[in-house]
Amino acid sequence: MGGLTDPDFVEAQLKIGRIDCAAMSRALIADLDWPKKAAQGRAGEIRRCVRCNKECLGGMMAHRGVHCIYERKV
């Protein structure tokens, strides 16, 4: 569970039938366009979750909302 960051790996697992679907949460928090970039062959542009939990889980636990360290501070 978790840690799906490589579209080629996910696709290979789907192709061999090891998985039926791939669920992602932190990966999509890091880059909402992950599926679109993967489908368009732009995997190199995907901001990949580094599983630090600083702003996604940490933000939720501190009642700041769910964010990612990659998001710009405004």
N, C-alpha and C. Protein backbone atom coordinates (compact mmCIF):
# COMPACT_ATOMS: atom_id res chain seq x y z
N MET A 1 0.83 -1.18 0.00
CA MET A 1 0.00 0.00 0.00
C MET A 1 0.88 1.25 0.00
N GLY A 2 0.49 2.20 -0.78
CA GLY A 2 1.20 3.46 -0.80
C GLY A 2 2.49 3.44 -1.59
N GLY A 3 3.02 4.59 -1.81
CA GLY A 3 4.30 4.71 -2.47
C GLY A 3 4.26 4.54 -3.98
N LEU A 4 3.09 4.63 -4.59
CA LEU A 4 3.02 4.52 -6.04
C LEU A 4 3.44 5.85 -6.65
N THR A 5 4.65 5.89 -7.16
CA THR A 5 5.17 7.14 -7.71
C THR A 5 5.57 7.02 -9.17
N ASP A 6 5.69 5.80 -9.68
CA ASP A 6 6.18 5.57 -11.03
C ASP A 6 5.07 5.04 -11.93
N PRO A 7 4.62 5.84 -12.90
CA PRO A 7 3.55 5.39 -13.78
C PRO A 7 3.87 4.10 -14.53
N ASP A 8 5.13 3.90 -14.92
CA ASP A 8 5.51 2.68 -15.62
C ASP A 8 5.33 1.45 -14.73
N PHE A 9 5.68 1.58 -13.46
CA PHE A 9 5.50 0.48 -12.52
C PHE A 9 4.02 0.15 -12.35
N VAL A 10 3.20 1.18 -12.17
CA VAL A 10 1.76 0.98 -12.00
C VAL A 10 1.20 0.30 -13.24
N GLU A 11 1.55 0.78 -14.40
CA GLU A 11 1.05 0.20 -15.66
C GLU A 11 1.47 -1.26 -15.80
N ALA A 12 2.71 -1.57 -15.45
CA ALA A 12 3.19 -2.95 -15.54
C ALA A 12 2.40 -3.87 -14.61
N GLN A 13 2.11 -3.41 -13.40
CA GLN A 13 1.37 -4.22 -12.45
C GLN A 13 -0.06 -4.45 -12.92
N LEU A 14 -0.66 -3.44 -13.52
CA LEU A 14 -2.00 -3.59 -14.10
C LEU A 14 -1.98 -4.59 -15.25
N LYS A 15 -0.97 -4.48 -16.08
CA LYS A 15 -0.86 -5.32 -17.28
C LYS A 15 -0.72 -6.80 -16.95
N ILE A 16 0.07 -7.12 -15.92
CA ILE A 16 0.26 -8.53 -15.57
C ILE A 16 -0.84 -9.07 -14.65
N GLY A 17 -1.77 -8.19 -14.28
CA GLY A 17 -2.89 -8.63 -13.45
C GLY A 17 -2.59 -8.72 -11.97
N ARG A 18 -1.46 -8.19 -11.55
CA ARG A 18 -1.12 -8.21 -10.12
C ARG A 18 -2.05 -7.30 -9.33
N ILE A 19 -2.49 -6.21 -9.96
CA ILE A 19 -3.45 -5.30 -9.34
C ILE A 19 -4.57 -5.02 -10.34
N ASP A 20 -5.74 -4.68 -9.83
CA ASP A 20 -6.87 -4.33 -10.69
C ASP A 20 -7.02 -2.82 -10.82
N CYS A 21 -6.54 -2.10 -9.84
CA CYS A 21 -6.59 -0.65 -9.87
C CYS A 21 -5.49 -0.12 -8.95
N ALA A 22 -5.20 1.15 -9.11
CA ALA A 22 -4.18 1.78 -8.27
C ALA A 22 -4.81 2.98 -7.58
N ALA A 23 -4.85 2.94 -6.28
CA ALA A 23 -5.39 4.05 -5.49
C ALA A 23 -4.24 4.91 -5.00
N MET A 24 -4.40 6.20 -5.15
CA MET A 24 -3.36 7.12 -4.72
C MET A 24 -3.98 8.26 -3.95
N SER A 25 -3.35 8.64 -2.87
CA SER A 25 -3.83 9.82 -2.14
C SER A 25 -2.70 10.84 -2.06
N ARG A 26 -1.63 10.52 -1.35
CA ARG A 26 -0.54 11.48 -1.22
C ARG A 26 0.07 11.83 -2.57
N ALA A 27 0.12 10.86 -3.49
CA ALA A 27 0.66 11.15 -4.83
C ALA A 27 -0.17 12.22 -5.52
N LEU A 28 -1.49 12.18 -5.33
CA LEU A 28 -2.35 13.18 -5.95
C LEU A 28 -2.35 14.50 -5.19
N ILE A 29 -2.03 14.46 -3.92
CA ILE A 29 -1.87 15.71 -3.16
C ILE A 29 -0.60 16.42 -3.66
N ALA A 30 0.44 15.65 -3.93
CA ALA A 30 1.70 16.22 -4.43
C ALA A 30 1.54 16.77 -5.84
N ASP A 31 0.75 16.08 -6.67
CA ASP A 31 0.55 16.53 -8.05
C ASP A 31 -0.82 16.07 -8.53
N LEU A 32 -1.76 16.98 -8.52
CA LEU A 32 -3.12 16.67 -8.94
C LEU A 32 -3.18 16.20 -10.38
N ASP A 33 -2.22 16.61 -11.20
CA ASP A 33 -2.20 16.23 -12.61
C ASP A 33 -1.42 14.95 -12.88
N TRP A 34 -1.09 14.19 -11.84
CA TRP A 34 -0.34 12.93 -11.99
C TRP A 34 -0.94 12.03 -13.07
N PRO A 35 -2.23 11.71 -13.01
CA PRO A 35 -2.79 10.81 -14.04
C PRO A 35 -2.72 11.39 -15.45
N LYS A 36 -2.99 12.69 -15.58
CA LYS A 36 -2.96 13.33 -16.89
C LYS A 36 -1.55 13.33 -17.45
N LYS A 37 -0.57 13.68 -16.64
CA LYS A 37 0.82 13.68 -17.09
C LYS A 37 1.27 12.27 -17.49
N ALA A 38 0.87 11.28 -16.71
CA ALA A 38 1.24 9.89 -17.03
C ALA A 38 0.61 9.47 -18.36
N ALA A 39 -0.66 9.78 -18.55
CA ALA A 39 -1.36 9.41 -19.78
C ALA A 39 -0.79 10.11 -21.00
N GLN A 40 -0.27 11.30 -20.81
CA GLN A 40 0.29 12.08 -21.92
C GLN A 40 1.78 11.79 -22.15
N GLY A 41 2.33 10.82 -21.42
CA GLY A 41 3.74 10.49 -21.58
C GLY A 41 4.68 11.52 -20.99
N ARG A 42 4.21 12.26 -20.00
CA ARG A 42 5.00 13.31 -19.37
C ARG A 42 5.38 12.94 -17.93
N ALA A 43 5.71 11.66 -17.72
CA ALA A 43 6.01 11.18 -16.37
C ALA A 43 7.16 11.95 -15.72
N GLY A 44 8.09 12.43 -16.51
CA GLY A 44 9.22 13.18 -15.97
C GLY A 44 8.82 14.50 -15.34
N GLU A 45 7.62 14.98 -15.63
CA GLU A 45 7.14 16.24 -15.06
C GLU A 45 6.35 16.06 -13.77
N ILE A 46 6.10 14.81 -13.40
CA ILE A 46 5.29 14.55 -12.21
C ILE A 46 6.07 14.93 -10.95
N ARG A 47 5.43 15.73 -10.09
CA ARG A 47 6.01 16.01 -8.77
C ARG A 47 5.69 14.79 -7.91
N ARG A 48 6.70 14.09 -7.51
CA ARG A 48 6.50 12.82 -6.80
C ARG A 48 6.51 13.01 -5.29
N CYS A 49 5.56 12.37 -4.67
CA CYS A 49 5.47 12.39 -3.20
C CYS A 49 6.73 11.75 -2.63
N VAL A 50 7.33 12.42 -1.66
CA VAL A 50 8.52 11.89 -1.01
C VAL A 50 8.19 11.26 0.35
N ARG A 51 6.90 11.16 0.63
CA ARG A 51 6.36 10.51 1.83
C ARG A 51 6.91 11.11 3.12
N CYS A 52 7.04 12.42 3.14
CA CYS A 52 7.56 13.09 4.33
C CYS A 52 6.46 13.31 5.38
N ASN A 53 5.21 13.36 4.93
CA ASN A 53 4.04 13.56 5.81
C ASN A 53 4.02 14.91 6.51
N LYS A 54 4.86 15.85 6.09
CA LYS A 54 4.95 17.14 6.79
C LYS A 54 3.69 17.98 6.66
N GLU A 55 3.18 18.14 5.45
CA GLU A 55 2.03 19.02 5.26
C GLU A 55 0.74 18.27 4.94
N CYS A 56 0.82 17.04 4.49
CA CYS A 56 -0.42 16.29 4.24
C CYS A 56 -0.95 15.76 5.58
N LEU A 57 -0.29 14.78 6.13
CA LEU A 57 -0.71 14.24 7.43
C LEU A 57 -0.45 15.25 8.55
N GLY A 58 0.72 15.88 8.51
CA GLY A 58 1.06 16.86 9.55
C GLY A 58 0.11 18.04 9.57
N GLY A 59 -0.25 18.52 8.38
CA GLY A 59 -1.19 19.63 8.28
C GLY A 59 -2.57 19.26 8.81
N MET A 60 -2.98 18.04 8.50
CA MET A 60 -4.27 17.57 8.99
C MET A 60 -4.26 17.44 10.51
N MET A 61 -3.20 16.87 11.04
CA MET A 61 -3.11 16.66 12.49
C MET A 61 -3.03 17.99 13.25
N ALA A 62 -2.45 19.02 12.61
CA ALA A 62 -2.33 20.33 13.24
C ALA A 62 -3.50 21.25 12.89
N HIS A 63 -4.52 20.69 12.26
CA HIS A 63 -5.73 21.43 11.88
C HIS A 63 -5.43 22.60 10.93
N ARG A 64 -4.43 22.40 10.04
CA ARG A 64 -4.09 23.41 9.03
C ARG A 64 -4.62 23.01 7.66
N GLY A 65 -5.23 21.87 7.55
CA GLY A 65 -5.69 21.35 6.27
C GLY A 65 -4.63 20.48 5.62
N VAL A 66 -5.02 19.80 4.58
CA VAL A 66 -4.12 18.89 3.88
C VAL A 66 -3.46 19.64 2.72
N HIS A 67 -2.14 19.70 2.75
CA HIS A 67 -1.37 20.38 1.72
C HIS A 67 -0.15 19.53 1.41
N CYS A 68 0.69 20.03 0.55
CA CYS A 68 1.93 19.34 0.20
C CYS A 68 3.11 20.31 0.35
N ILE A 69 4.28 19.78 0.66
CA ILE A 69 5.47 20.62 0.77
C ILE A 69 5.79 21.30 -0.56
N TYR A 70 5.29 20.75 -1.68
CA TYR A 70 5.54 21.34 -2.99
C TYR A 70 4.68 22.56 -3.27
N GLU A 71 3.59 22.73 -2.51
CA GLU A 71 2.71 23.86 -2.78
C GLU A 71 3.40 25.17 -2.41
N ARG A 72 3.17 26.16 -3.23
CA ARG A 72 3.74 27.48 -2.93
C ARG A 72 3.01 28.11 -1.77
N LYS A 73 3.74 28.74 -0.94
CA LYS A 73 3.14 29.51 0.16
C LYS A 73 2.76 30.87 -0.39
N VAL A 74 1.52 31.25 -0.22
CA VAL A 74 1.04 32.52 -0.76
C VAL A 74 1.00 33.56 0.34
